[in-house]
Amino acid sequence: MEKGAIYSIIGPNGAGKTTVFNCISGIYRPDSGKIFYKGQETTRLKPYQVAKKGIARTFQNIELFSHMTTMDNLMLGRHLHMKTGVWRGATFTHKGSKAAREEIENRGKVEEVIDFLDLQAARNQFVVNLPYGTRKLVELGRALALDPELILLDEPSAGMNMEEKGDLMFSIQDIRDDLGITVLLVEHDMNLIMDISDRILALNYGEKIVEGLPEEIQSHPEVLKAYLGEEEAV
């Protein structure tokens, strides 16, 4: 995929979309083939090593710490950028300490994410008390807090109402246009996919069907067959 693109992966349930994400992010190891990012092979890297490369992701099923606040969950996205060790962080707590300066700097980054996603009302609320659509945004915010170059969004609109989906569509475009982050998207909402994608890859049973522009994909006979099935003879 090209830098600066919104590139989408579509396919029916079981096509292998989330498996692709898990391979890219180091959760799974592919049985064959190799994965390259910016010309470097990442096939054997662990998830934290992939994150250090500047790749962040969200999950199909929300993976937040429910009994922590939105701010605390977003601060976890800054973990790779925080260099202060446990001893220094625990013992040097005055305002001028390195630990305090680092905390202030990283909280400032998180506040930028909160403003970007309009999560001010949820800042100090426990995640367990938030509506489902807001929790999806918090998970997106945690990924953005990493300051990634590439973000993998796994069904970000699942469980959202039409208004929330509309806001999400603009947010994804802003992630690319305003933040300069390349977006790799898995999504079942075809209206959203066709509206924002630069290119689309269609999968079925782990196999590539076709790759191309949205207008090419939506009318491709193999894509239609994968989603709708073949007409049975009567």
Protein backbone atom coordinates (compact mmCIF):
# COMPACT_ATOMS: atom_id res chain seq x y z
CA MET A 1 0.00 0.00 0.00
CA GLU A 2 1.10 3.56 -0.66
CA LYS A 3 2.12 5.98 2.06
CA GLY A 4 -0.66 8.45 2.80
CA ALA A 5 -3.43 6.19 1.51
CA ILE A 6 -6.61 4.83 3.05
CA TYR A 7 -6.37 1.20 1.98
CA SER A 8 -9.23 -1.16 2.86
CA ILE A 9 -9.55 -4.93 3.14
CA ILE A 10 -13.01 -6.41 2.61
CA GLY A 11 -14.46 -9.90 2.50
CA PRO A 12 -17.18 -12.06 4.07
CA ASN A 13 -16.87 -13.47 7.59
CA GLY A 14 -13.95 -15.88 7.80
CA ALA A 15 -12.15 -14.38 4.80
CA GLY A 16 -8.98 -13.76 6.84
CA LYS A 17 -9.15 -9.99 7.32
CA THR A 18 -8.33 -9.90 11.04
CA THR A 19 -5.75 -12.67 10.50
CA VAL A 20 -3.91 -10.31 8.14
CA PHE A 21 -3.87 -7.66 10.89
CA ASN A 22 -2.65 -10.19 13.46
CA CYS A 23 0.21 -11.21 11.16
CA ILE A 24 1.23 -7.60 10.47
CA SER A 25 1.15 -6.67 14.17
CA GLY A 26 3.14 -9.72 15.29
CA ILE A 27 0.38 -11.59 17.13
CA TYR A 28 0.43 -14.39 14.53
CA ARG A 29 3.32 -15.78 12.50
CA PRO A 30 2.39 -16.48 8.86
CA ASP A 31 2.80 -20.09 7.72
CA SER A 32 4.56 -18.90 4.57
CA GLY A 33 5.57 -15.68 2.89
CA LYS A 34 7.11 -12.53 4.40
CA ILE A 35 5.89 -9.17 5.65
CA PHE A 36 7.74 -5.97 4.77
CA TYR A 37 7.24 -2.47 6.12
CA LYS A 38 9.13 0.45 4.56
CA GLY A 39 11.51 -2.01 2.91
CA GLN A 40 12.37 -3.89 6.11
CA GLU A 41 11.14 -7.39 6.93
CA THR A 42 8.96 -7.55 10.03
CA THR A 43 7.72 -11.17 9.75
CA ARG A 44 9.43 -12.41 12.95
CA LEU A 45 9.02 -9.31 15.11
CA LYS A 46 7.11 -9.38 18.40
CA PRO A 47 4.11 -7.05 18.83
CA TYR A 48 6.03 -4.45 20.87
CA GLN A 49 8.77 -4.41 18.23
CA VAL A 50 6.18 -3.83 15.51
CA ALA A 51 4.74 -0.95 17.58
CA LYS A 52 8.23 0.58 17.82
CA LYS A 53 8.32 0.62 14.03
CA GLY A 54 5.41 3.07 14.14
CA ILE A 55 2.51 0.65 13.53
CA ALA A 56 -0.52 0.94 15.83
CA ARG A 57 -3.83 -0.92 15.73
CA THR A 58 -7.32 -1.23 17.13
CA PHE A 59 -9.13 -4.52 17.71
CA GLN A 60 -12.36 -5.99 16.38
CA ASN A 61 -13.40 -6.72 19.98
CA ILE A 62 -12.59 -3.77 22.22
CA GLU A 63 -9.40 -4.38 24.22
CA LEU A 64 -9.48 -1.58 26.81
CA PHE A 65 -8.95 -1.60 30.58
CA SER A 66 -12.58 -1.12 31.62
CA HIS A 67 -11.94 0.01 35.20
CA MET A 68 -9.43 2.67 34.20
CA THR A 69 -10.35 6.15 32.96
CA THR A 70 -10.21 7.27 29.35
CA MET A 71 -7.11 9.33 30.17
CA ASP A 72 -5.34 6.34 31.73
CA ASN A 73 -6.17 4.12 28.75
CA LEU A 74 -4.86 6.73 26.33
CA MET A 75 -1.69 7.17 28.39
CA LEU A 76 -0.95 3.49 27.79
CA GLY A 77 -0.54 4.43 24.13
CA ARG A 78 2.37 6.65 25.15
CA HIS A 79 4.21 3.82 26.93
CA LEU A 80 6.84 3.38 24.22
CA HIS A 81 7.69 7.08 24.42
CA MET A 82 8.18 7.13 28.20
CA LYS A 83 11.82 6.52 29.19
CA THR A 84 11.73 7.05 32.96
CA GLY A 85 12.40 3.84 34.89
CA VAL A 86 10.37 2.54 37.81
CA TRP A 87 12.85 3.69 40.49
CA ARG A 88 13.21 7.23 39.14
CA GLY A 89 9.45 7.50 38.58
CA ALA A 90 8.64 6.31 42.12
CA THR A 91 11.17 8.39 44.03
CA PHE A 92 11.63 11.66 42.17
CA THR A 93 8.15 13.17 42.18
CA HIS A 94 8.85 16.93 42.48
CA LYS A 95 7.64 19.09 39.62
CA GLY A 96 11.09 19.67 38.14
CA SER A 97 12.07 16.00 38.01
CA LYS A 98 12.61 14.16 34.76
CA ALA A 99 9.69 11.86 35.58
CA ALA A 100 7.35 14.80 36.17
CA ARG A 101 8.43 16.57 32.98
CA GLU A 102 7.93 13.38 31.00
CA GLU A 103 4.47 12.87 32.52
CA ILE A 104 3.44 16.43 31.63
CA GLU A 105 4.75 16.10 28.08
CA ASN A 106 2.95 12.83 27.43
CA ARG A 107 -0.29 14.01 29.01
CA GLY A 108 -0.10 16.97 26.64
CA LYS A 109 0.07 14.56 23.69
CA VAL A 110 -2.92 12.66 25.02
CA GLU A 111 -4.89 15.89 25.43
CA GLU A 112 -4.29 16.55 21.72
CA VAL A 113 -5.81 13.15 20.91
CA ILE A 114 -8.78 13.85 23.22
CA ASP A 115 -9.42 17.13 21.41
CA PHE A 116 -8.99 15.51 17.99
CA LEU A 117 -11.62 12.83 18.74
CA ASP A 118 -13.84 15.14 20.82
CA LEU A 119 -13.53 12.94 23.92
CA GLN A 120 -13.44 15.76 26.47
CA ALA A 121 -16.59 14.56 28.25
CA ALA A 122 -15.12 11.07 28.65
CA ARG A 123 -11.66 12.16 29.85
CA ASN A 124 -12.05 11.22 33.53
CA GLN A 125 -14.79 8.60 33.22
CA PHE A 126 -14.17 4.91 33.72
CA VAL A 127 -14.34 3.15 30.36
CA VAL A 128 -16.86 0.60 31.68
CA ASN A 129 -19.40 3.43 32.07
CA LEU A 130 -19.05 4.76 28.51
CA PRO A 131 -21.40 3.98 25.59
CA TYR A 132 -20.10 1.38 23.16
CA GLY A 133 -19.46 3.87 20.37
CA THR A 134 -17.42 6.09 22.70
CA ARG A 135 -15.35 3.11 23.82
CA LYS A 136 -14.52 2.41 20.17
CA LEU A 137 -13.24 6.00 19.91
CA VAL A 138 -11.18 5.58 23.08
CA GLU A 139 -9.48 2.54 21.55
CA LEU A 140 -8.83 4.54 18.38
CA GLY A 141 -7.40 7.31 20.57
CA ARG A 142 -5.05 4.89 22.33
CA ALA A 143 -3.68 3.82 18.94
CA LEU A 144 -3.26 7.46 17.88
CA ALA A 145 -1.45 8.24 21.14
CA LEU A 146 1.41 6.06 19.89
CA ASP A 147 2.10 8.69 17.18
CA PRO A 148 2.09 5.97 14.49
CA GLU A 149 2.98 6.30 10.83
CA LEU A 150 0.58 3.45 9.97
CA ILE A 151 -2.63 2.63 11.82
CA LEU A 152 -4.60 -0.61 11.44
CA LEU A 153 -8.31 -0.17 12.13
CA ASP A 154 -10.21 -3.43 12.61
CA GLU A 155 -13.96 -2.81 12.09
CA PRO A 156 -13.92 0.60 13.83
CA SER A 157 -17.61 1.31 13.08
CA ALA A 158 -18.97 -1.98 14.51
CA GLY A 159 -21.78 -1.26 16.98
CA MET A 160 -22.03 2.43 16.06
CA ASN A 161 -25.22 4.20 15.02
CA MET A 162 -25.48 6.13 11.73
CA GLU A 163 -24.49 9.47 13.29
CA GLU A 164 -21.45 7.93 14.98
CA LYS A 165 -20.43 6.26 11.71
CA GLY A 166 -20.64 9.58 9.91
CA ASP A 167 -18.40 11.23 12.49
CA LEU A 168 -15.99 8.28 12.31
CA MET A 169 -15.72 8.59 8.52
CA PHE A 170 -14.58 12.21 8.87
CA SER A 171 -12.19 11.23 11.69
CA ILE A 172 -10.52 8.57 9.53
CA GLN A 173 -10.08 11.07 6.70
CA ASP A 174 -8.66 13.60 9.16
CA ILE A 175 -6.24 10.98 10.51
CA ARG A 176 -4.82 10.73 7.01
CA ASP A 177 -5.13 14.36 5.91
CA ASP A 178 -4.37 16.28 9.13
CA LEU A 179 -2.14 13.86 11.04
CA GLY A 180 -0.37 12.37 8.01
CA ILE A 181 -1.00 8.79 9.13
CA THR A 182 -1.49 6.02 6.58
CA VAL A 183 -4.64 3.97 7.26
CA LEU A 184 -5.18 0.24 6.73
CA LEU A 185 -8.85 -0.49 7.31
CA VAL A 186 -10.98 -3.62 7.77
CA GLU A 187 -14.68 -2.83 7.69
CA HIS A 188 -18.04 -4.43 6.86
CA ASP A 189 -19.90 -1.18 6.21
CA MET A 190 -19.64 -0.96 2.42
CA ASN A 191 -20.94 2.61 2.26
CA LEU A 192 -18.13 3.77 4.54
CA ILE A 193 -15.56 1.70 2.62
CA MET A 194 -16.57 3.03 -0.78
CA ASP A 195 -16.71 6.63 0.43
CA ILE A 196 -13.23 6.91 1.95
CA SER A 197 -10.98 4.23 0.42
CA ASP A 198 -8.27 5.00 -2.12
CA ARG A 199 -7.80 1.32 -2.91
CA ILE A 200 -9.50 -1.90 -1.79
CA LEU A 201 -8.33 -5.49 -1.45
CA ALA A 202 -11.05 -8.18 -1.50
CA LEU A 203 -10.35 -11.52 0.23
CA ASN A 204 -12.22 -14.79 0.49
CA TYR A 205 -11.06 -17.87 2.44
CA GLY A 206 -7.63 -16.31 2.84
CA GLU A 207 -7.16 -15.79 -0.90
CA LYS A 208 -6.92 -12.51 -2.77
CA ILE A 209 -9.88 -12.07 -5.13
CA VAL A 210 -9.07 -8.67 -6.60
CA GLU A 211 -7.42 -5.35 -5.73
CA GLY A 212 -8.32 -1.99 -7.21
CA LEU A 213 -10.23 1.27 -7.03
CA PRO A 214 -13.58 1.34 -5.17
CA GLU A 215 -15.59 1.60 -8.38
CA GLU A 216 -13.79 -1.46 -9.76
CA ILE A 217 -14.37 -3.53 -6.65
CA GLN A 218 -18.05 -2.88 -6.05
CA SER A 219 -19.07 -4.28 -9.42
CA HIS A 220 -16.53 -7.09 -9.72
CA PRO A 221 -18.33 -10.43 -10.30
CA GLU A 222 -16.00 -12.44 -8.01
CA VAL A 223 -16.56 -9.99 -5.15
CA LEU A 224 -20.32 -10.17 -5.63
CA LYS A 225 -20.17 -13.96 -5.69
CA ALA A 226 -18.12 -14.05 -2.46
CA TYR A 227 -20.69 -11.88 -0.66
CA LEU A 228 -23.91 -13.08 -2.24
CA GLY A 229 -23.08 -16.64 -3.33
CA GLU A 230 -23.85 -18.24 -6.64
CA GLU A 231 -27.42 -18.51 -7.82
CA GLU A 232 -28.68 -22.04 -7.31
CA ALA A 233 -30.34 -23.86 -10.18
CA VAL A 234 -34.02 -24.46 -9.56
